[in-house]
Protein backbone atom coordinates (compact mmCIF):
# COMPACT_ATOMS: atom_id res chain seq x y z
CA MET A 1 0.00 0.00 0.00
CA ASN A 2 1.42 3.38 -0.96
CA ARG A 3 1.67 5.99 1.78
CA PRO A 4 2.43 9.68 1.38
CA VAL A 5 6.06 10.54 1.95
CA ALA A 6 6.75 13.30 4.47
CA GLY A 7 8.01 16.51 2.93
CA ALA A 8 11.31 18.19 3.79
CA ASP A 9 9.77 19.91 6.82
CA GLY A 10 8.09 16.69 7.95
CA ASP A 11 4.61 18.24 7.98
CA VAL A 12 3.47 18.43 4.37
CA PRO A 13 2.77 15.08 2.69
CA VAL A 14 4.13 14.68 -0.81
CA ILE A 15 2.13 12.56 -3.24
CA ALA A 16 4.47 9.89 -4.61
CA PRO A 17 3.89 7.64 -7.61
CA MET A 18 1.92 4.54 -6.67
CA LEU A 19 3.64 1.31 -7.64
CA THR A 20 2.27 -1.78 -5.91
CA GLY A 21 3.33 -4.49 -8.31
CA ASP A 22 -0.30 -5.55 -8.67
CA THR A 23 -1.34 -2.65 -10.89
CA ARG A 24 0.29 -0.55 -13.58
CA PRO A 25 2.35 2.39 -12.30
CA VAL A 26 0.16 5.35 -11.43
CA ASP A 27 1.93 8.71 -11.37
CA LEU A 28 -0.22 10.51 -8.83
CA VAL A 29 1.87 13.68 -9.04
CA THR A 30 1.30 14.07 -12.79
CA ILE A 31 -2.38 13.21 -12.53
CA ARG A 32 -2.88 15.73 -9.72
CA ALA A 33 -1.05 18.43 -11.70
CA THR A 34 -3.18 17.76 -14.79
CA ALA A 35 -6.39 17.89 -12.72
CA ASP A 36 -5.27 21.12 -11.05
CA ARG A 37 -4.54 22.65 -14.46
CA ALA A 38 -8.03 21.70 -15.67
CA LEU A 39 -9.62 23.21 -12.58
CA GLN A 40 -7.60 26.41 -12.35
CA GLU A 41 -9.47 29.71 -12.23
CA ARG A 42 -9.43 31.41 -15.62
CA ALA A 43 -10.49 34.78 -16.91
CA SER A 44 -12.00 33.14 -20.00
CA VAL A 45 -13.03 29.73 -21.30
CA PRO A 46 -10.00 27.63 -22.31
CA ARG A 47 -9.29 27.09 -26.00
CA ARG A 48 -10.89 24.00 -27.56
CA ALA A 49 -7.49 22.45 -28.25
CA GLU A 50 -6.55 22.75 -24.58
CA VAL A 51 -9.89 21.28 -23.47
CA ARG A 52 -9.40 18.32 -25.83
CA GLU A 53 -5.80 17.81 -24.68
CA LEU A 54 -6.68 17.93 -20.97
CA THR A 55 -9.78 15.77 -21.39
CA SER A 56 -7.81 13.13 -23.27
CA ALA A 57 -5.02 13.10 -20.67
CA LEU A 58 -7.46 12.96 -17.74
CA HIS A 59 -9.46 10.21 -19.41
CA GLU A 60 -6.29 8.10 -19.69
CA HIS A 61 -5.38 8.92 -16.10
CA LEU A 62 -8.89 7.99 -14.94
CA VAL A 63 -8.57 4.57 -16.57
CA LEU A 64 -5.44 3.92 -14.46
CA LEU A 65 -7.05 5.32 -11.32
CA VAL A 66 -10.14 3.13 -11.75
CA GLU A 67 -7.90 0.09 -12.14
CA ALA A 68 -6.04 0.99 -8.94
CA ALA A 69 -9.34 1.67 -7.13
CA GLN A 70 -10.62 -1.76 -8.19
CA HIS A 71 -7.54 -3.32 -6.64
CA ARG A 72 -8.06 -1.36 -3.40
CA ARG A 73 -11.74 -2.32 -3.32
CA ASP A 74 -10.86 -5.99 -3.74
CA GLU A 75 -8.44 -5.78 -0.80
CA ALA A 76 -10.81 -3.85 1.50
CA LYS A 77 -13.42 -5.22 3.84
CA GLY A 78 -16.62 -3.87 5.41
CA GLU A 79 -17.24 -0.13 5.26
CA ALA A 80 -13.96 0.55 3.46
CA ARG A 81 -14.97 -1.87 0.69
CA ARG A 82 -18.32 -0.08 0.27
CA HIS A 83 -16.55 3.28 0.12
CA TRP A 84 -14.12 2.07 -2.55
CA ALA A 85 -17.06 0.58 -4.49
CA ALA A 86 -18.84 3.97 -4.47
CA VAL A 87 -15.69 5.81 -5.56
CA LEU A 88 -15.08 3.22 -8.25
CA ASN A 89 -18.66 3.61 -9.48
CA ARG A 90 -18.11 7.38 -9.85
CA GLY A 91 -14.96 6.84 -11.89
CA GLN A 92 -16.63 4.26 -14.14
CA MET A 93 -19.62 6.54 -14.70
CA ASP A 94 -17.31 9.39 -15.72
CA LEU A 95 -15.53 7.10 -18.18
CA ALA A 96 -18.82 5.84 -19.64
CA ARG A 97 -20.14 9.37 -20.19
CA ARG A 98 -17.23 10.46 -22.39
CA GLY A 99 -18.73 12.21 -25.38
CA ASN A 100 -22.27 11.26 -24.36
CA THR A 101 -23.03 14.07 -21.97
CA GLY A 102 -25.58 16.84 -22.20
CA GLN A 103 -23.03 19.20 -20.69
CA SER A 104 -20.35 21.29 -22.34
CA ALA A 105 -16.86 19.94 -22.97
CA VAL A 106 -15.50 22.27 -20.27
CA GLN A 107 -18.02 21.01 -17.70
CA TYR A 108 -17.15 17.39 -18.49
CA LEU A 109 -13.43 18.23 -18.23
CA GLN A 110 -13.97 19.77 -14.79
CA GLU A 111 -16.01 16.77 -13.61
CA ILE A 112 -13.38 14.21 -14.56
CA ALA A 113 -10.66 16.47 -13.13
CA ARG A 114 -12.46 16.52 -9.77
CA THR A 115 -12.86 12.73 -9.88
CA CYS A 116 -9.17 12.29 -10.71
CA ARG A 117 -8.14 14.63 -7.92
CA TYR A 118 -10.35 12.80 -5.41
CA LEU A 119 -9.00 9.41 -6.47
CA THR A 120 -5.38 10.59 -6.27
CA ASP A 121 -6.02 11.82 -2.74
CA LEU A 122 -7.56 8.48 -1.73
CA LEU A 123 -4.87 6.39 -3.38
CA ALA A 124 -2.10 8.43 -1.74
CA ARG A 125 -3.28 7.41 1.73
C-alpha cells in the first residue's frame, strides 16, 4: 500500500507515484497536476485544443485510477470496501459518459478532473 512521503519539513505530505506491483504504475503527481490545471481559475473559457488535450489526458489517467481503485476495493473489507465501491462507481460513470453528456466539454473536463483529484487523494493514503 502506498503511503504519502513526508516533505522536507516533515509536515506536508508529498504525493508519490503509486507502484504496488499488482497494478500498472500510477503517477499521482502528474495526474494531480493535470487535474489542477483543468480546474484552475481562468479569466476566459480555455481554448478548444486545450480542453481536448486535458480531457484526453485525464481520461487516460482515470482509466489507471479506476484500475487501482478496483484493486483497493478488492483488498478492502466492510465499510472501506463499500466506500471504494462507491468511488469506483463514480470513476466508471465518468468514463462511460465520455462524449455522451448533455453538458459542455469544459463542464465534463472539470467533472473528470475533480474525480481524478479525489481518487489521487484516496490512493495516496
